[in-house]
Amino acid sequence: MTDYAAMTQEELAALVQARDDSMVALKNKTKDFVAKSRAEKTELQGQLDTAKAKIEDYTSKLMRAKELVVASKKEAADAKEAAAGAAAAAAAAAATTAAATSD
């Protein structure tokens, strides 16, 4: 334990000055830490915003690709159905022609 009563005024003043200097240094370190943390937060927020925008862009592109695939499959099914119908009509016409020729 320090005996402050036995200290001279100069020694007490030096202790008070050292304490004040320490408090100022701590205050400055705290300000620097807060400023650095805010800058990092701002940078990370920018990166997050960029990532969100890219995700939205990729999502919209994927949805568009999905729509194109679905439309293409429907178109192919319709074409296949139309070709089958045309083949059936051609077969019916050929059968009709064959029947008319054999009479």
C-alpha atoms as a PDB file:
ATOM      1  CA  MET A   1       0.000   0.000   0.000  1.00  0.00           C
ATOM      2  CA  THR A   2       1.313   3.427  -0.883  1.00  0.00           C
ATOM      3  CA  ASP A   3       1.501   5.986   1.896  1.00  0.00           C
ATOM      4  CA  TYR A   4       0.222   9.109   0.193  1.00  0.00           C
ATOM      5  CA  ALA A   5       0.432  11.136   3.380  1.00  0.00           C
ATOM      6  CA  ALA A   6       4.208  10.697   3.449  1.00  0.00           C
ATOM      7  CA  MET A   7       4.624  11.910  -0.140  1.00  0.00           C
ATOM      8  CA  THR A   8       5.651  15.413  -1.078  1.00  0.00           C
ATOM      9  CA  GLN A   9       3.466  17.696  -3.110  1.00  0.00           C
ATOM     10  CA  GLU A  10       5.732  17.168  -6.126  1.00  0.00           C
ATOM     11  CA  GLU A  11       5.451  13.371  -5.841  1.00  0.00           C
ATOM     12  CA  LEU A  12       1.655  13.584  -5.543  1.00  0.00           C
ATOM     13  CA  ALA A  13       1.519  15.963  -8.498  1.00  0.00           C
ATOM     14  CA  ALA A  14       3.654  13.518 -10.523  1.00  0.00           C
ATOM     15  CA  LEU A  15       1.240  10.674  -9.637  1.00  0.00           C
ATOM     16  CA  VAL A  16      -1.752  12.770 -10.649  1.00  0.00           C
ATOM     17  CA  GLN A  17      -0.037  13.740 -13.907  1.00  0.00           C
ATOM     18  CA  ALA A  18       0.844  10.097 -14.630  1.00  0.00           C
ATOM     19  CA  ARG A  19      -2.769   9.101 -13.983  1.00  0.00           C
ATOM     20  CA  ASP A  20      -4.018  11.889 -16.269  1.00  0.00           C
ATOM     21  CA  ASP A  21      -1.552  10.876 -18.995  1.00  0.00           C
ATOM     22  CA  SER A  22      -2.685   7.264 -18.671  1.00  0.00           C
ATOM     23  CA  MET A  23      -6.344   8.288 -18.942  1.00  0.00           C
ATOM     24  CA  VAL A  24      -5.637  10.400 -22.033  1.00  0.00           C
ATOM     25  CA  ALA A  25      -3.752   7.508 -23.662  1.00  0.00           C
ATOM     26  CA  LEU A  26      -6.610   5.115 -22.862  1.00  0.00           C
ATOM     27  CA  LYS A  27      -9.138   7.594 -24.227  1.00  0.00           C
ATOM     28  CA  ASN A  28      -7.133   7.962 -27.464  1.00  0.00           C
ATOM     29  CA  LYS A  29      -6.775   4.191 -27.843  1.00  0.00           C
ATOM     30  CA  THR A  30     -10.519   3.819 -27.328  1.00  0.00           C
ATOM     31  CA  LYS A  31     -11.265   6.493 -29.952  1.00  0.00           C
ATOM     32  CA  ASP A  32      -8.888   4.801 -32.411  1.00  0.00           C
ATOM     33  CA  PHE A  33     -10.474   1.410 -31.761  1.00  0.00           C
ATOM     34  CA  VAL A  34     -13.987   2.804 -32.275  1.00  0.00           C
ATOM     35  CA  ALA A  35     -12.960   4.570 -35.482  1.00  0.00           C
ATOM     36  CA  LYS A  36     -11.265   1.423 -36.812  1.00  0.00           C
ATOM     37  CA  SER A  37     -14.296  -0.704 -35.903  1.00  0.00           C
ATOM     38  CA  ARG A  38     -16.653   1.711 -37.653  1.00  0.00           C
ATOM     39  CA  ALA A  39     -14.475   1.711 -40.773  1.00  0.00           C
ATOM     40  CA  GLU A  40     -14.408  -2.102 -40.801  1.00  0.00           C
ATOM     41  CA  LYS A  41     -18.178  -2.200 -40.302  1.00  0.00           C
ATOM     42  CA  THR A  42     -18.675   0.193 -43.215  1.00  0.00           C
ATOM     43  CA  GLU A  43     -16.395  -1.896 -45.424  1.00  0.00           C
ATOM     44  CA  LEU A  44     -18.127  -5.144 -44.447  1.00  0.00           C
ATOM     45  CA  GLN A  45     -21.541  -3.573 -45.025  1.00  0.00           C
ATOM     46  CA  GLY A  46     -20.413  -2.585 -48.526  1.00  0.00           C
ATOM     47  CA  GLN A  47     -19.233  -6.134 -49.189  1.00  0.00           C
ATOM     48  CA  LEU A  48     -22.547  -7.482 -47.879  1.00  0.00           C
ATOM     49  CA  ASP A  49     -24.530  -5.122 -50.103  1.00  0.00           C
ATOM     50  CA  THR A  50     -22.444  -6.174 -53.113  1.00  0.00           C
ATOM     51  CA  ALA A  51     -22.976  -9.848 -52.293  1.00  0.00           C
ATOM     52  CA  LYS A  52     -26.738  -9.322 -51.916  1.00  0.00           C
ATOM     53  CA  ALA A  53     -26.883  -7.570 -55.287  1.00  0.00           C
ATOM     54  CA  LYS A  54     -24.952 -10.418 -56.927  1.00  0.00           C
ATOM     55  CA  ILE A  55     -27.261 -12.998 -55.330  1.00  0.00           C
ATOM     56  CA  GLU A  56     -30.319 -11.131 -56.611  1.00  0.00           C
ATOM     57  CA  ASP A  57     -28.771 -10.921 -60.078  1.00  0.00           C
ATOM     58  CA  TYR A  58     -27.854 -14.620 -60.146  1.00  0.00           C
ATOM     59  CA  THR A  59     -31.283 -15.559 -58.810  1.00  0.00           C
ATOM     60  CA  SER A  60     -33.044 -13.592 -61.531  1.00  0.00           C
ATOM     61  CA  LYS A  61     -30.775 -15.157 -64.178  1.00  0.00           C
ATOM     62  CA  LEU A  62     -31.490 -18.639 -62.827  1.00  0.00           C
ATOM     63  CA  MET A  63     -35.235 -17.975 -62.823  1.00  0.00           C
ATOM     64  CA  ARG A  64     -35.027 -16.747 -66.412  1.00  0.00           C
ATOM     65  CA  ALA A  65     -33.038 -19.849 -67.392  1.00  0.00           C
ATOM     66  CA  LYS A  66     -35.617 -22.041 -65.669  1.00  0.00           C
ATOM     67  CA  GLU A  67     -38.412 -20.293 -67.561  1.00  0.00           C
ATOM     68  CA  LEU A  68     -36.538 -20.848 -70.843  1.00  0.00           C
ATOM     69  CA  VAL A  69     -36.003 -24.552 -70.069  1.00  0.00           C
ATOM     70  CA  VAL A  70     -39.668 -25.042 -69.154  1.00  0.00           C
ATOM     71  CA  ALA A  71     -40.772 -23.208 -72.300  1.00  0.00           C
ATOM     72  CA  SER A  72     -38.333 -25.223 -74.423  1.00  0.00           C
ATOM     73  CA  LYS A  73     -39.573 -28.516 -72.966  1.00  0.00           C
ATOM     74  CA  LYS A  74     -43.193 -27.470 -73.573  1.00  0.00           C
ATOM     75  CA  GLU A  75     -42.323 -26.441 -77.105  1.00  0.00           C
ATOM     76  CA  ALA A  76     -40.569 -29.766 -77.715  1.00  0.00           C
ATOM     77  CA  ALA A  77     -43.541 -31.686 -76.314  1.00  0.00           C
ATOM     78  CA  ASP A  78     -45.923 -29.681 -78.499  1.00  0.00           C
ATOM     79  CA  ALA A  79     -43.723 -30.315 -81.551  1.00  0.00           C
ATOM     80  CA  LYS A  80     -43.546 -34.024 -80.745  1.00  0.00           C
ATOM     81  CA  GLU A  81     -47.325 -34.127 -80.340  1.00  0.00           C
ATOM     82  CA  ALA A  82     -47.779 -32.271 -83.612  1.00  0.00           C
ATOM     83  CA  ALA A  83     -45.354 -34.636 -85.374  1.00  0.00           C
ATOM     84  CA  ALA A  84     -47.211 -37.635 -83.953  1.00  0.00           C
ATOM     85  CA  GLY A  85     -50.492 -36.138 -85.129  1.00  0.00           C
ATOM     86  CA  ALA A  86     -49.041 -35.483 -88.578  1.00  0.00           C
ATOM     87  CA  ALA A  87     -47.659 -39.023 -88.725  1.00  0.00           C
ATOM     88  CA  ALA A  88     -51.035 -40.422 -87.712  1.00  0.00           C
ATOM     89  CA  ALA A  89     -52.748 -38.274 -90.342  1.00  0.00           C
ATOM     90  CA  ALA A  90     -50.221 -39.377 -92.959  1.00  0.00           C
ATOM     91  CA  ALA A  91     -50.755 -43.013 -91.983  1.00  0.00           C
ATOM     92  CA  ALA A  92     -54.528 -42.562 -92.172  1.00  0.00           C
ATOM     93  CA  ALA A  93     -54.171 -40.878 -95.539  1.00  0.00           C
ATOM     94  CA  ALA A  94     -51.925 -43.677 -96.745  1.00  0.00           C
ATOM     95  CA  ALA A  95     -54.391 -46.260 -95.487  1.00  0.00           C
ATOM     96  CA  THR A  96     -57.233 -44.431 -97.194  1.00  0.00           C
ATOM     97  CA  THR A  97     -55.218 -44.217-100.406  1.00  0.00           C
ATOM     98  CA  ALA A  98     -54.298 -47.885-100.173  1.00  0.00           C
ATOM     99  CA  ALA A  99     -57.894 -48.806 -99.558  1.00  0.00           C
ATOM    100  CA  ALA A 100     -59.078 -46.671-102.457  1.00  0.00           C
ATOM    101  CA  THR A 101     -56.404 -48.133-104.741  1.00  0.00           C
ATOM    102  CA  SER A 102     -57.241 -51.720-103.853  1.00  0.00           C
ATOM    103  CA  ASP A 103     -60.922 -51.258-104.665  1.00  0.00           C
END
